[in-house]
Amino acid sequence: AMAARRALRAVPASITRPPYAQTGEVPPPPNHIVLYREPEQVEALRKAGRIARRVLDYALSLAKPGVTTLEIDEKVHEAICNEGVYPAPLNYRGFPCSVCSSINQEICHGIPSERALKSGDIAKFDVSVFTEEGFYGDNCGTVVVGDGDADAHRLDQTTKESLRVAIETVRPGSCLSDIGYAIEEVAKKEGYESVSDYCGHGIGQWFHMMPNVQHVPNNLKFELAEGMIFTIEPMLVEGSRATRTSVEDGWAILTCDGGRAAQYEHMVYVRADGCEVLTDSEKFPEYS
């Protein structure tokens, strides 16, 4: 049965809305790569990334046994609004909540629910925001709830490592396809598959735009240049990378074989001297 349509959570009137906030209809992005090189643009992107990360750290800290993802959605919604920004998933193509929460065999785009988290769950939270300057921030992380089995922790750590290795390839003159090869190599070594049906994406004044960032080996021989900004968001699974969409809600993406998934996502800005991870944690910095 379809989950009962909840009213969308209220956002204070003072907060700047993205164009789809009322209608759920997302205007098409430009069909070319947008470069952001103006200092005030880069600063606005940094701010969006910083806020998205602050709230993601908070979301991950809330994932404890007995807590429902709907309760986490409520607290994340409040935290995002308190930052003076809009929760970007809310009404994006009609998405009903302010965070994506995907558990175990759910890979991504999961809708928060009344289901209580259990010890051992692999929980992914994807937090994104839209700022008053008109820029999006987007990131995702995984937490093993309570006491997870060794395999859960290995999947989690391998996915995190695959993102780190992918980010190391990013600099002007490097190839976009290096990212997919780097992720695949890390995944394969541990016996995991990298999901190919969903990609990273350009981001900035549009939530999703060119380029498409594939997390598997590919032939997109495309040279990176200063001013490009995109997400890298590998999804690693225990079994087969084959995916299906939830028949219950039409949103959640699941593994076909029930294998569990982990995901990490950063926003990466290509600088003259390499790259800057705009969603690095202030509390637990890994890239600065």
Protein backbone atom coordinates (compact mmCIF):
# COMPACT_ATOMS: atom_id res chain seq x y z
CA ALA A 1 0.00 0.00 0.00
CA MET A 2 1.18 3.54 -0.67
CA ALA A 3 2.33 5.33 2.45
CA ALA A 4 -0.24 7.94 3.47
CA ARG A 5 0.74 11.31 1.98
CA ARG A 6 1.98 13.45 4.83
CA ALA A 7 1.78 17.21 4.64
CA LEU A 8 5.20 18.59 3.69
CA ARG A 9 7.06 20.00 6.69
CA ALA A 10 6.79 23.78 7.00
CA VAL A 11 9.78 25.96 6.12
CA PRO A 12 9.99 29.48 7.65
CA ALA A 13 8.85 32.18 5.22
CA SER A 14 12.19 34.01 5.54
CA ILE A 15 14.09 31.12 3.90
CA THR A 16 14.91 31.34 0.17
CA ARG A 17 13.13 28.60 -1.82
CA PRO A 18 14.46 26.61 -4.77
CA PRO A 19 12.30 26.89 -7.93
CA TYR A 20 10.53 23.55 -7.32
CA ALA A 21 9.52 24.20 -3.68
CA GLN A 22 5.88 24.94 -4.53
CA THR A 23 5.19 22.75 -7.56
CA GLY A 24 7.72 19.92 -7.27
CA GLU A 25 8.69 20.60 -10.89
CA VAL A 26 12.43 20.90 -11.44
CA PRO A 27 13.54 23.27 -14.23
CA PRO A 28 16.01 21.64 -16.65
CA PRO A 29 19.69 22.46 -16.04
CA PRO A 30 21.88 23.88 -18.82
CA ASN A 31 23.06 21.23 -21.30
CA HIS A 32 26.70 22.20 -20.82
CA ILE A 33 29.20 22.32 -17.95
CA VAL A 34 29.03 25.46 -15.83
CA LEU A 35 32.36 26.70 -14.45
CA TYR A 36 32.44 28.60 -11.18
CA ARG A 37 35.55 30.77 -10.94
CA GLU A 38 34.35 34.06 -9.43
CA PRO A 39 35.51 34.35 -5.79
CA GLU A 40 31.98 35.11 -4.54
CA GLN A 41 30.63 32.02 -6.36
CA VAL A 42 33.32 29.83 -4.83
CA GLU A 43 32.61 31.28 -1.39
CA ALA A 44 28.86 30.59 -1.84
CA LEU A 45 29.65 26.99 -2.85
CA ARG A 46 31.91 26.58 0.20
CA LYS A 47 29.14 27.86 2.45
CA ALA A 48 26.59 25.45 0.94
CA GLY A 49 29.01 22.54 1.36
CA ARG A 50 29.89 23.49 4.93
CA ILE A 51 26.25 23.68 6.03
CA ALA A 52 25.32 20.43 4.27
CA ARG A 53 28.19 18.69 6.06
CA ARG A 54 27.40 20.15 9.46
CA VAL A 55 23.85 18.83 9.23
CA LEU A 56 25.00 15.45 7.84
CA ASP A 57 27.30 14.99 10.86
CA TYR A 58 24.27 15.75 13.04
CA ALA A 59 22.03 13.30 11.13
CA LEU A 60 24.58 10.50 11.47
CA SER A 61 24.91 11.18 15.23
CA LEU A 62 21.14 10.63 15.66
CA ALA A 63 21.14 7.12 14.16
CA LYS A 64 20.79 4.95 17.27
CA PRO A 65 18.82 1.73 17.91
CA GLY A 66 15.12 2.49 18.52
CA VAL A 67 15.13 5.86 16.71
CA THR A 68 12.94 6.10 13.59
CA THR A 69 14.21 7.72 10.41
CA LEU A 70 11.10 9.93 10.46
CA GLU A 71 12.26 11.31 13.83
CA ILE A 72 15.67 11.95 12.27
CA ASP A 73 13.98 13.65 9.30
CA GLU A 74 12.14 15.99 11.69
CA LYS A 75 15.33 16.95 13.54
CA VAL A 76 17.34 17.34 10.33
CA HIS A 77 14.59 19.54 8.86
CA GLU A 78 14.72 21.76 11.93
CA ALA A 79 18.54 21.92 11.89
CA ILE A 80 18.58 22.89 8.20
CA CYS A 81 15.99 25.62 8.72
CA ASN A 82 17.95 26.88 11.75
CA GLU A 83 20.93 27.33 9.42
CA GLY A 84 18.73 29.68 7.35
CA VAL A 85 18.69 27.37 4.31
CA TYR A 86 16.14 25.14 2.55
CA PRO A 87 16.19 21.31 2.77
CA ALA A 88 16.78 20.58 -0.93
CA PRO A 89 15.07 17.14 -1.11
CA LEU A 90 11.77 18.60 0.14
CA ASN A 91 9.27 18.47 -2.76
CA TYR A 92 12.09 17.86 -5.29
CA ARG A 93 10.02 16.07 -7.98
CA GLY A 94 7.54 15.57 -5.15
CA PHE A 95 9.93 13.93 -2.64
CA PRO A 96 8.01 14.06 0.67
CA CYS A 97 10.83 14.55 3.21
CA SER A 98 13.86 16.70 4.03
CA VAL A 99 16.52 13.96 4.06
CA CYS A 100 17.02 10.67 2.22
CA SER A 101 17.47 7.73 4.59
CA SER A 102 18.34 4.37 3.05
CA ILE A 103 18.71 1.27 5.24
CA ASN A 104 20.56 -2.00 4.49
CA GLN A 105 19.51 -3.17 0.99
CA GLU A 106 18.13 0.28 0.18
CA ILE A 107 20.92 1.93 -1.83
CA CYS A 108 19.69 5.53 -2.05
CA HIS A 109 16.61 7.82 -2.26
CA GLY A 110 14.93 6.10 0.69
CA ILE A 111 12.00 7.92 2.30
CA PRO A 112 12.16 8.30 6.10
CA SER A 113 9.59 6.11 7.84
CA GLU A 114 8.18 4.91 11.17
CA ARG A 115 10.56 1.93 11.09
CA ALA A 116 12.86 2.01 14.13
CA LEU A 117 16.58 1.57 13.46
CA LYS A 118 17.98 -1.69 14.81
CA SER A 119 21.47 -2.55 16.00
CA GLY A 120 23.43 -3.76 12.97
CA ASP A 121 21.54 -1.68 10.39
CA ILE A 122 23.65 0.02 7.73
CA ALA A 123 22.05 3.47 7.51
CA LYS A 124 22.81 6.02 4.78
CA PHE A 125 21.75 9.66 5.11
CA ASP A 126 21.89 12.11 2.22
CA VAL A 127 21.66 15.75 3.31
CA SER A 128 21.35 18.58 0.81
CA VAL A 129 20.55 22.27 1.14
CA PHE A 130 19.71 25.31 -0.98
CA THR A 131 21.18 28.61 0.25
CA GLU A 132 20.02 32.23 0.02
CA GLU A 133 22.83 32.84 -2.50
CA GLY A 134 21.10 30.29 -4.76
CA PHE A 135 23.58 27.40 -4.46
CA TYR A 136 23.12 23.76 -3.53
CA GLY A 137 25.20 21.72 -1.09
CA ASP A 138 24.94 17.91 -1.20
CA ASN A 139 26.62 15.07 0.72
CA CYS A 140 25.98 11.62 2.10
CA GLY A 141 27.42 9.32 4.74
CA THR A 142 26.92 5.89 6.24
CA VAL A 143 26.67 4.74 9.84
CA VAL A 144 26.57 1.20 11.19
CA VAL A 145 23.90 1.45 13.89
CA GLY A 146 24.77 0.06 17.32
CA ASP A 147 26.90 -3.08 17.06
CA GLY A 148 27.26 -4.13 13.44
CA ASP A 149 28.84 -7.32 12.18
CA ALA A 150 32.38 -7.26 10.80
CA ASP A 151 31.05 -7.38 7.23
CA ALA A 152 28.93 -4.27 7.78
CA HIS A 153 31.97 -2.36 9.01
CA ARG A 154 34.11 -3.64 6.14
CA LEU A 155 31.52 -2.53 3.56
CA ASP A 156 31.26 0.87 5.26
CA GLN A 157 35.03 1.43 5.42
CA THR A 158 35.65 0.18 1.88
CA THR A 159 33.03 2.57 0.48
CA LYS A 160 34.58 5.48 2.37
CA GLU A 161 38.03 4.47 1.08
CA SER A 162 36.75 4.23 -2.52
CA LEU A 163 35.58 7.86 -2.30
CA ARG A 164 38.94 8.96 -0.88
CA VAL A 165 40.86 7.23 -3.68
CA ALA A 166 38.49 8.69 -6.30
CA ILE A 167 38.98 12.21 -4.93
CA GLU A 168 42.77 11.78 -5.18
CA THR A 169 42.42 11.59 -9.00
CA VAL A 170 40.71 14.99 -9.28
CA ARG A 171 42.79 17.89 -10.64
CA PRO A 172 42.92 20.01 -13.82
CA GLY A 173 43.93 17.87 -16.79
CA SER A 174 42.91 14.58 -15.20
CA CYS A 175 40.19 12.46 -16.78
CA LEU A 176 36.65 12.23 -15.44
CA SER A 177 36.71 8.46 -16.06
CA ASP A 178 39.65 8.03 -13.64
CA ILE A 179 37.06 8.33 -10.86
CA GLY A 180 35.12 5.22 -11.88
CA TYR A 181 38.27 3.15 -12.35
CA ALA A 182 39.57 4.18 -8.91
CA ILE A 183 36.31 3.22 -7.17
CA GLU A 184 36.00 -0.10 -9.00
CA GLU A 185 39.55 -1.09 -8.05
CA VAL A 186 38.92 -0.51 -4.33
CA ALA A 187 35.52 -2.28 -4.46
CA LYS A 188 36.79 -5.32 -6.36
CA LYS A 189 39.67 -5.89 -3.96
CA GLU A 190 37.13 -6.48 -1.16
CA GLY A 191 34.68 -8.43 -3.33
CA TYR A 192 32.07 -5.66 -3.65
CA GLU A 193 30.38 -4.22 -6.73
CA SER A 194 29.96 -0.51 -7.42
CA VAL A 195 26.44 0.54 -8.45
CA SER A 196 26.36 1.84 -12.03
CA ASP A 197 22.69 2.87 -12.37
CA TYR A 198 23.14 6.06 -10.29
CA CYS A 199 25.85 8.67 -10.72
CA GLY A 200 27.47 11.68 -9.19
CA HIS A 201 26.62 14.98 -10.86
CA GLY A 202 27.59 18.55 -11.45
CA ILE A 203 26.15 20.90 -8.83
CA GLY A 204 26.00 24.64 -8.17
CA GLN A 205 23.00 26.81 -9.01
CA TRP A 206 21.28 23.60 -10.10
CA PHE A 207 20.95 20.56 -7.85
CA HIS A 208 21.83 18.08 -10.62
CA MET A 209 23.60 19.09 -13.82
CA MET A 210 26.44 18.07 -16.13
CA PRO A 211 28.82 16.30 -15.86
CA ASN A 212 27.54 12.81 -15.03
CA VAL A 213 30.08 11.19 -12.73
CA GLN A 214 30.14 7.42 -13.15
CA HIS A 215 31.41 5.19 -10.34
CA VAL A 216 32.42 2.30 -12.61
CA PRO A 217 34.95 2.02 -15.46
CA ASN A 218 33.66 4.04 -18.43
CA ASN A 219 34.75 5.76 -21.64
CA LEU A 220 33.87 9.36 -20.80
CA LYS A 221 37.21 10.76 -21.94
CA PHE A 222 36.52 14.15 -20.54
CA GLU A 223 39.23 16.47 -19.20
CA LEU A 224 38.70 18.21 -15.87
CA ALA A 225 39.31 21.96 -15.70
CA GLU A 226 39.57 24.57 -12.98
CA GLY A 227 36.14 25.81 -11.86
CA MET A 228 34.27 22.52 -12.33
CA ILE A 229 32.30 21.27 -9.38
CA PHE A 230 30.57 17.92 -8.99
CA THR A 231 29.69 15.22 -6.51
CA ILE A 232 31.35 11.83 -6.24
CA GLU A 233 29.05 9.42 -4.41
CA PRO A 234 30.02 5.74 -4.68
CA MET A 235 27.47 3.12 -3.65
CA LEU A 236 29.06 -0.26 -2.91
CA VAL A 237 27.00 -3.43 -2.47
CA GLU A 238 27.69 -6.87 -1.02
CA GLY A 239 26.20 -8.82 -3.92
CA SER A 240 25.21 -7.74 -7.41
CA ARG A 241 25.07 -4.10 -8.53
CA ALA A 242 21.65 -4.73 -10.16
CA THR A 243 19.05 -2.29 -8.77
CA ARG A 244 15.28 -1.98 -8.62
CA THR A 245 12.92 0.81 -7.58
CA SER A 246 10.62 0.27 -4.59
CA VAL A 247 7.11 -0.67 -5.71
CA GLU A 248 5.80 0.64 -2.36
CA ASP A 249 6.85 4.27 -2.71
CA GLY A 250 8.41 4.65 -6.17
CA TRP A 251 11.49 6.33 -4.67
CA ALA A 252 13.80 3.99 -2.78
CA ILE A 253 16.42 2.21 -4.91
CA LEU A 254 17.21 -1.30 -3.66
CA THR A 255 19.56 -4.12 -4.57
CA CYS A 256 17.74 -6.87 -6.48
CA ASP A 257 19.41 -9.62 -4.44
CA GLY A 258 18.93 -8.09 -0.97
CA GLY A 259 22.67 -7.42 -0.50
CA ARG A 260 23.40 -4.46 1.76
CA ALA A 261 24.74 -1.15 0.48
CA ALA A 262 26.89 1.70 1.80
CA GLN A 263 27.34 5.17 0.29
CA TYR A 264 29.56 8.21 0.79
CA GLU A 265 29.30 11.49 -1.10
CA HIS A 266 31.41 14.63 -1.26
CA MET A 267 31.18 17.81 -3.29
CA VAL A 268 34.49 18.38 -5.06
CA TYR A 269 35.72 21.64 -6.59
CA VAL A 270 38.51 21.54 -9.20
CA ARG A 271 41.16 24.15 -8.36
CA ALA A 272 44.31 25.16 -10.19
CA ASP A 273 46.34 23.30 -7.55
CA GLY A 274 44.22 20.13 -7.45
CA CYS A 275 40.85 19.94 -5.73
CA GLU A 276 38.99 21.13 -2.68
CA VAL A 277 36.46 18.93 -0.85
CA LEU A 278 33.70 21.41 -0.01
CA THR A 279 31.87 18.96 2.26
CA ASP A 280 34.81 17.97 4.44
CA SER A 281 33.78 17.77 8.09
CA GLU A 282 34.77 20.67 10.35
CA LYS A 283 34.66 18.30 13.34
CA PHE A 284 36.52 15.41 11.73
CA PRO A 285 38.43 16.89 8.77
CA GLU A 286 39.91 14.29 6.42
CA TYR A 287 40.93 16.37 3.43
CA SER A 288 42.29 19.68 4.73
